[in-house]
PDB file of N, CA and C in Angstrom:
ATOM      1  N   MET A   1      50.095   5.080  41.669  1.00  0.00           N
ATOM      2  CA  MET A   1      50.480   4.413  40.451  1.00  0.00           C
ATOM      3  C   MET A   1      51.852   4.939  40.039  1.00  0.00           C
ATOM      4  N   HIS A   2      52.719   4.045  39.658  1.00  0.00           N
ATOM      5  CA  HIS A   2      54.086   4.401  39.301  1.00  0.00           C
ATOM      6  C   HIS A   2      54.329   4.047  37.831  1.00  0.00           C
ATOM      7  N   PHE A   3      54.855   5.001  37.091  1.00  0.00           N
ATOM      8  CA  PHE A   3      55.126   4.784  35.667  1.00  0.00           C
ATOM      9  C   PHE A   3      56.629   4.736  35.448  1.00  0.00           C
ATOM     10  N   GLN A   4      57.051   3.889  34.539  1.00  0.00           N
ATOM     11  CA  GLN A   4      58.473   3.735  34.241  1.00  0.00           C
ATOM     12  C   GLN A   4      58.998   4.832  33.325  1.00  0.00           C
ATOM     13  N   SER A   5      58.121   5.419  32.510  1.00  0.00           N
ATOM     14  CA  SER A   5      58.553   6.464  31.575  1.00  0.00           C
ATOM     15  C   SER A   5      57.388   7.421  31.315  1.00  0.00           C
ATOM     16  N   TRP A   6      57.723   8.521  30.653  1.00  0.00           N
ATOM     17  CA  TRP A   6      56.689   9.487  30.301  1.00  0.00           C
ATOM     18  C   TRP A   6      55.718   8.896  29.280  1.00  0.00           C
ATOM     19  N   ALA A   7      56.212   8.057  28.399  1.00  0.00           N
ATOM     20  CA  ALA A   7      55.339   7.429  27.404  1.00  0.00           C
ATOM     21  C   ALA A   7      54.276   6.567  28.095  1.00  0.00           C
ATOM     22  N   GLU A   8      54.666   5.831  29.128  1.00  0.00           N
ATOM     23  CA  GLU A   8      53.708   5.037  29.882  1.00  0.00           C
ATOM     24  C   GLU A   8      52.701   5.941  30.608  1.00  0.00           C
ATOM     25  N   PHE A   9      53.207   7.058  31.105  1.00  0.00           N
ATOM     26  CA  PHE A   9      52.319   8.003  31.785  1.00  0.00           C
ATOM     27  C   PHE A   9      51.250   8.510  30.826  1.00  0.00           C
ATOM     28  N   TRP A  10      51.664   8.934  29.635  1.00  0.00           N
ATOM     29  CA  TRP A  10      50.701   9.458  28.668  1.00  0.00           C
ATOM     30  C   TRP A  10      49.761   8.368  28.161  1.00  0.00           C
ATOM     31  N   ALA A  11      50.245   7.143  28.051  1.00  0.00           N
ATOM     32  CA  ALA A  11      49.414   6.036  27.562  1.00  0.00           C
ATOM     33  C   ALA A  11      48.421   5.565  28.621  1.00  0.00           C
ATOM     34  N   MET A  12      48.753   5.721  29.899  1.00  0.00           N
ATOM     35  CA  MET A  12      47.885   5.324  31.020  1.00  0.00           C
ATOM     36  C   MET A  12      47.398   3.884  30.879  1.00  0.00           C
ATOM     37  N   GLY A  13      48.294   3.013  30.559  1.00  0.00           N
ATOM     38  CA  GLY A  13      47.935   1.599  30.472  1.00  0.00           C
ATOM     39  C   GLY A  13      46.957   1.292  29.348  1.00  0.00           C
ATOM     40  N   GLY A  14      47.001   2.077  28.287  1.00  0.00           N
ATOM     41  CA  GLY A  14      46.096   1.867  27.167  1.00  0.00           C
ATOM     42  C   GLY A  14      44.826   2.696  27.228  1.00  0.00           C
ATOM     43  N   TYR A  15      44.613   3.382  28.333  1.00  0.00           N
ATOM     44  CA  TYR A  15      43.408   4.190  28.501  1.00  0.00           C
ATOM     45  C   TYR A  15      43.703   5.694  28.418  1.00  0.00           C
ATOM     46  N   GLY A  16      44.867   6.033  27.928  1.00  0.00           N
ATOM     47  CA  GLY A  16      45.287   7.432  27.889  1.00  0.00           C
ATOM     48  C   GLY A  16      44.338   8.329  27.135  1.00  0.00           C
ATOM     49  N   LEU A  17      43.848   7.862  25.993  1.00  0.00           N
ATOM     50  CA  LEU A  17      42.932   8.690  25.200  1.00  0.00           C
ATOM     51  C   LEU A  17      41.716   9.080  26.026  1.00  0.00           C
ATOM     52  N   PHE A  18      41.121   8.136  26.715  1.00  0.00           N
ATOM     53  CA  PHE A  18      39.918   8.412  27.503  1.00  0.00           C
ATOM     54  C   PHE A  18      40.238   9.278  28.722  1.00  0.00           C
ATOM     55  N   VAL A  19      41.370   8.987  29.350  1.00  0.00           N
ATOM     56  CA  VAL A  19      41.766   9.759  30.538  1.00  0.00           C
ATOM     57  C   VAL A  19      42.003  11.212  30.169  1.00  0.00           C
ATOM     58  N   TRP A  20      42.790  11.464  29.141  1.00  0.00           N
ATOM     59  CA  TRP A  20      43.144  12.823  28.782  1.00  0.00           C
ATOM     60  C   TRP A  20      41.982  13.568  28.145  1.00  0.00           C
ATOM     61  N   LEU A  21      41.116  12.861  27.417  1.00  0.00           N
ATOM     62  CA  LEU A  21      39.912  13.519  26.907  1.00  0.00           C
ATOM     63  C   LEU A  21      38.981  13.924  28.042  1.00  0.00           C
ATOM     64  N   SER A  22      38.867  13.087  29.053  1.00  0.00           N
ATOM     65  CA  SER A  22      37.997  13.444  30.174  1.00  0.00           C
ATOM     66  C   SER A  22      38.577  14.624  30.958  1.00  0.00           C
ATOM     67  N   PHE A  23      39.882  14.623  31.183  1.00  0.00           N
ATOM     68  CA  PHE A  23      40.510  15.771  31.848  1.00  0.00           C
ATOM     69  C   PHE A  23      40.341  17.035  31.014  1.00  0.00           C
ATOM     70  N   GLY A  24      40.621  16.925  29.738  1.00  0.00           N
ATOM     71  CA  GLY A  24      40.516  18.092  28.856  1.00  0.00           C
ATOM     72  C   GLY A  24      39.105  18.636  28.778  1.00  0.00           C
ATOM     73  N   SER A  25      38.123  17.746  28.605  1.00  0.00           N
ATOM     74  CA  SER A  25      36.741  18.223  28.515  1.00  0.00           C
ATOM     75  C   SER A  25      36.286  18.825  29.843  1.00  0.00           C
ATOM     76  N   SER A  26      36.742  18.274  30.950  1.00  0.00           N
ATOM     77  CA  SER A  26      36.384  18.848  32.256  1.00  0.00           C
ATOM     78  C   SER A  26      36.944  20.254  32.406  1.00  0.00           C
ATOM     79  N   TYR A  27      38.195  20.443  32.036  1.00  0.00           N
ATOM     80  CA  TYR A  27      38.798  21.772  32.135  1.00  0.00           C
ATOM     81  C   TYR A  27      38.135  22.762  31.191  1.00  0.00           C
ATOM     82  N   VAL A  28      37.774  22.311  30.002  1.00  0.00           N
ATOM     83  CA  VAL A  28      37.082  23.192  29.056  1.00  0.00           C
ATOM     84  C   VAL A  28      35.726  23.599  29.623  1.00  0.00           C
ATOM     85  N   MET A  29      34.986  22.640  30.174  1.00  0.00           N
ATOM     86  CA  MET A  29      33.674  22.965  30.752  1.00  0.00           C
ATOM     87  C   MET A  29      33.802  23.914  31.939  1.00  0.00           C
ATOM     88  N   LEU A  30      34.820  23.720  32.768  1.00  0.00           N
ATOM     89  CA  LEU A  30      35.025  24.640  33.892  1.00  0.00           C
ATOM     90  C   LEU A  30      35.377  26.038  33.410  1.00  0.00           C
ATOM     91  N   ALA A  31      36.188  26.132  32.366  1.00  0.00           N
ATOM     92  CA  ALA A  31      36.548  27.443  31.810  1.00  0.00           C
ATOM     93  C   ALA A  31      35.316  28.127  31.225  1.00  0.00           C
ATOM     94  N   VAL A  32      34.488  27.381  30.507  1.00  0.00           N
ATOM     95  CA  VAL A  32      33.266  27.954  29.944  1.00  0.00           C
ATOM     96  C   VAL A  32      32.330  28.391  31.059  1.00  0.00           C
ATOM     97  N   LEU A  33      32.215  27.607  32.099  1.00  0.00           N
ATOM     98  CA  LEU A  33      31.363  27.971  33.231  1.00  0.00           C
ATOM     99  C   LEU A  33      31.853  29.258  33.898  1.00  0.00           C
ATOM    100  N   ALA A  34      33.153  29.376  34.085  1.00  0.00           N
ATOM    101  CA  ALA A  34      33.714  30.589  34.698  1.00  0.00           C
ATOM    102  C   ALA A  34      33.448  31.801  33.808  1.00  0.00           C
ATOM    103  N   TRP A  35      33.659  31.646  32.491  1.00  0.00           N
ATOM    104  CA  TRP A  35      33.411  32.752  31.565  1.00  0.00           C
ATOM    105  C   TRP A  35      31.936  33.143  31.576  1.00  0.00           C
ATOM    106  N   TYR A  36      31.053  32.147  31.515  1.00  0.00           N
ATOM    107  CA  TYR A  36      29.616  32.424  31.473  1.00  0.00           C
ATOM    108  C   TYR A  36      29.146  33.098  32.765  1.00  0.00           C
ATOM    109  N   SER A  37      29.671  32.672  33.893  1.00  0.00           N
ATOM    110  CA  SER A  37      29.313  33.294  35.170  1.00  0.00           C
ATOM    111  C   SER A  37      29.746  34.756  35.197  1.00  0.00           C
ATOM    112  N   HIS A  38      30.941  35.018  34.713  1.00  0.00           N
ATOM    113  CA  HIS A  38      31.440  36.397  34.646  1.00  0.00           C
ATOM    114  C   HIS A  38      30.565  37.233  33.710  1.00  0.00           C
ATOM    115  N   TYR A  39      30.205  36.665  32.560  1.00  0.00           N
ATOM    116  CA  TYR A  39      29.360  37.357  31.587  1.00  0.00           C
ATOM    117  C   TYR A  39      27.988  37.660  32.198  1.00  0.00           C
ATOM    118  N   GLN A  40      27.379  36.689  32.867  1.00  0.00           N
ATOM    119  CA  GLN A  40      26.074  36.883  33.491  1.00  0.00           C
ATOM    120  C   GLN A  40      26.136  37.950  34.585  1.00  0.00           C
ATOM    121  N   HIS A  41      27.233  37.967  35.344  1.00  0.00           N
ATOM    122  CA  HIS A  41      27.388  38.960  36.403  1.00  0.00           C
ATOM    123  C   HIS A  41      27.438  40.371  35.811  1.00  0.00           C
ATOM    124  N   LYS A  42      28.212  40.535  34.746  1.00  0.00           N
ATOM    125  CA  LYS A  42      28.287  41.849  34.096  1.00  0.00           C
ATOM    126  C   LYS A  42      26.940  42.256  33.519  1.00  0.00           C
ATOM    127  N   GLN A  43      26.228  41.306  32.921  1.00  0.00           N
ATOM    128  CA  GLN A  43      24.918  41.592  32.349  1.00  0.00           C
ATOM    129  C   GLN A  43      23.930  41.982  33.454  1.00  0.00           C
ATOM    130  N   PHE A  44      23.973  41.294  34.580  1.00  0.00           N
ATOM    131  CA  PHE A  44      23.091  41.622  35.700  1.00  0.00           C
ATOM    132  C   PHE A  44      23.367  43.033  36.212  1.00  0.00           C
ATOM    133  N   LYS A  45      24.651  43.392  36.340  1.00  0.00           N
ATOM    134  CA  LYS A  45      24.987  44.733  36.817  1.00  0.00           C
ATOM    135  C   LYS A  45      24.491  45.796  35.844  1.00  0.00           C
ATOM    136  N   ARG A  46      24.611  45.543  34.526  1.00  0.00           N
ATOM    137  CA  ARG A  46      24.103  46.495  33.526  1.00  0.00           C
ATOM    138  C   ARG A  46      22.592  46.645  33.632  1.00  0.00           C
ATOM    139  N   GLN A  47      21.883  45.533  33.782  1.00  0.00           N
ATOM    140  CA  GLN A  47      20.425  45.588  33.880  1.00  0.00           C
ATOM    141  C   GLN A  47      19.984  46.294  35.154  1.00  0.00           C
ATOM    142  N   LEU A  48      20.671  46.037  36.252  1.00  0.00           N
ATOM    143  CA  LEU A  48      20.340  46.694  37.507  1.00  0.00           C
ATOM    144  C   LEU A  48      20.581  48.198  37.411  1.00  0.00           C
ATOM    145  N   SER A  49      21.681  48.578  36.805  1.00  0.00           N
ATOM    146  CA  SER A  49      21.984  49.991  36.633  1.00  0.00           C
ATOM    147  C   SER A  49      20.926  50.669  35.769  1.00  0.00           C
ATOM    148  N   ALA A  50      20.520  50.013  34.695  1.00  0.00           N
ATOM    149  CA  ALA A  50      19.487  50.583  33.824  1.00  0.00           C
ATOM    150  C   ALA A  50      18.169  50.721  34.567  1.00  0.00           C
ATOM    151  N   LYS A  51      17.810  49.726  35.375  1.00  0.00           N
ATOM    152  CA  LYS A  51      16.566  49.781  36.134  1.00  0.00           C
ATOM    153  C   LYS A  51      16.597  50.923  37.149  1.00  0.00           C
ATOM    154  N   LEU A  52      17.728  51.081  37.839  1.00  0.00           N
ATOM    155  CA  LEU A  52      17.835  52.160  38.817  1.00  0.00           C
ATOM    156  C   LEU A  52      17.783  53.527  38.139  1.00  0.00           C
ATOM    157  N   ASP A  53      18.419  53.660  36.993  1.00  0.00           N
ATOM    158  CA  ASP A  53      18.362  54.918  36.243  1.00  0.00           C
ATOM    159  C   ASP A  53      16.932  55.223  35.804  1.00  0.00           C
ATOM    160  N   ARG A  54      16.220  54.199  35.342  1.00  0.00           N
ATOM    161  CA  ARG A  54      14.834  54.358  34.912  1.00  0.00           C
ATOM    162  C   ARG A  54      13.965  54.803  36.082  1.00  0.00           C
ATOM    163  N   GLU A  55      14.148  54.166  37.231  1.00  0.00           N
ATOM    164  CA  GLU A  55      13.362  54.550  38.408  1.00  0.00           C
ATOM    165  C   GLU A  55      13.680  55.979  38.852  1.00  0.00           C
ATOM    166  N   LYS A  56      14.927  56.367  38.736  1.00  0.00           N
ATOM    167  CA  LYS A  56      15.332  57.731  39.100  1.00  0.00           C
ATOM    168  C   LYS A  56      14.671  58.751  38.172  1.00  0.00           C
ATOM    169  N   ARG A  57      14.657  58.438  36.866  1.00  0.00           N
ATOM    170  CA  ARG A  57      14.010  59.352  35.913  1.00  0.00           C
ATOM    171  C   ARG A  57      12.514  59.455  36.171  1.00  0.00           C
ATOM    172  N   ILE A  58      11.875  58.335  36.498  1.00  0.00           N
ATOM    173  CA  ILE A  58      10.435  58.347  36.781  1.00  0.00           C
ATOM    174  C   ILE A  58      10.159  59.189  38.017  1.00  0.00           C
ATOM    175  N   LYS A  59      10.978  59.030  39.046  1.00  0.00           N
ATOM    176  CA  LYS A  59      10.795  59.799  40.284  1.00  0.00           C
ATOM    177  C   LYS A  59      10.985  61.290  40.023  1.00  0.00           C
ATOM    178  N   GLN A  60      11.988  61.651  39.224  1.00  0.00           N
ATOM    179  CA  GLN A  60      12.210  63.060  38.894  1.00  0.00           C
ATOM    180  C   GLN A  60      11.034  63.617  38.106  1.00  0.00           C
ATOM    181  N   TYR A  61      10.506  62.839  37.175  1.00  0.00           N
ATOM    182  CA  TYR A  61       9.368  63.294  36.384  1.00  0.00           C
ATOM    183  C   TYR A  61       8.148  63.499  37.260  1.00  0.00           C
ATOM    184  N   GLN A  62       7.925  62.575  38.214  1.00  0.00           N
ATOM    185  CA  GLN A  62       6.778  62.702  39.110  1.00  0.00           C
ATOM    186  C   GLN A  62       6.911  63.932  40.003  1.00  0.00           C
ATOM    187  N   GLU A  63       8.125  64.244  40.427  1.00  0.00           N
ATOM    188  CA  GLU A  63       8.351  65.419  41.264  1.00  0.00           C
ATOM    189  C   GLU A  63       8.127  66.689  40.475  1.00  0.00           C
ATOM    190  N   GLN A  64       8.508  66.701  39.200  1.00  0.00           N
ATOM    191  CA  GLN A  64       8.301  67.885  38.346  1.00  0.00           C
ATOM    192  C   GLN A  64       6.835  68.071  38.037  1.00  0.00           C
ATOM    193  N   ALA A  65       6.083  66.976  37.929  1.00  0.00           N
ATOM    194  CA  ALA A  65       4.665  67.062  37.577  1.00  0.00           C
ATOM    195  C   ALA A  65       3.842  67.620  38.743  1.00  0.00           C
ATOM    196  N   GLN A  66       4.316  67.535  39.941  1.00  0.00           N
ATOM    197  CA  GLN A  66       3.560  68.020  41.105  1.00  0.00           C
ATOM    198  C   GLN A  66       3.688  69.473  41.275  1.00  0.00           C
TER     199      GLN A  66
END
C-alpha cells in the first residue's frame, strides 16, 4: 500500500482509529504478558528457594534428633 502523505498514512483510508487502536492494544497486551511472565518467574524462584530452605531445616532437625 502506498500513501501520498503522512496524514493519509495515519488515517489509513478512514480506518486509522481502528488500525492504531488494534496495534496499540496488541503492544500493551504483549508488554503486560512479558511483565507478568517475569513476575511469575521471580515468584517461582522465591517459592522454590523457600521450599528448599524448609527441607534443609527439616533434615537438619531430623539429624539432630537422632
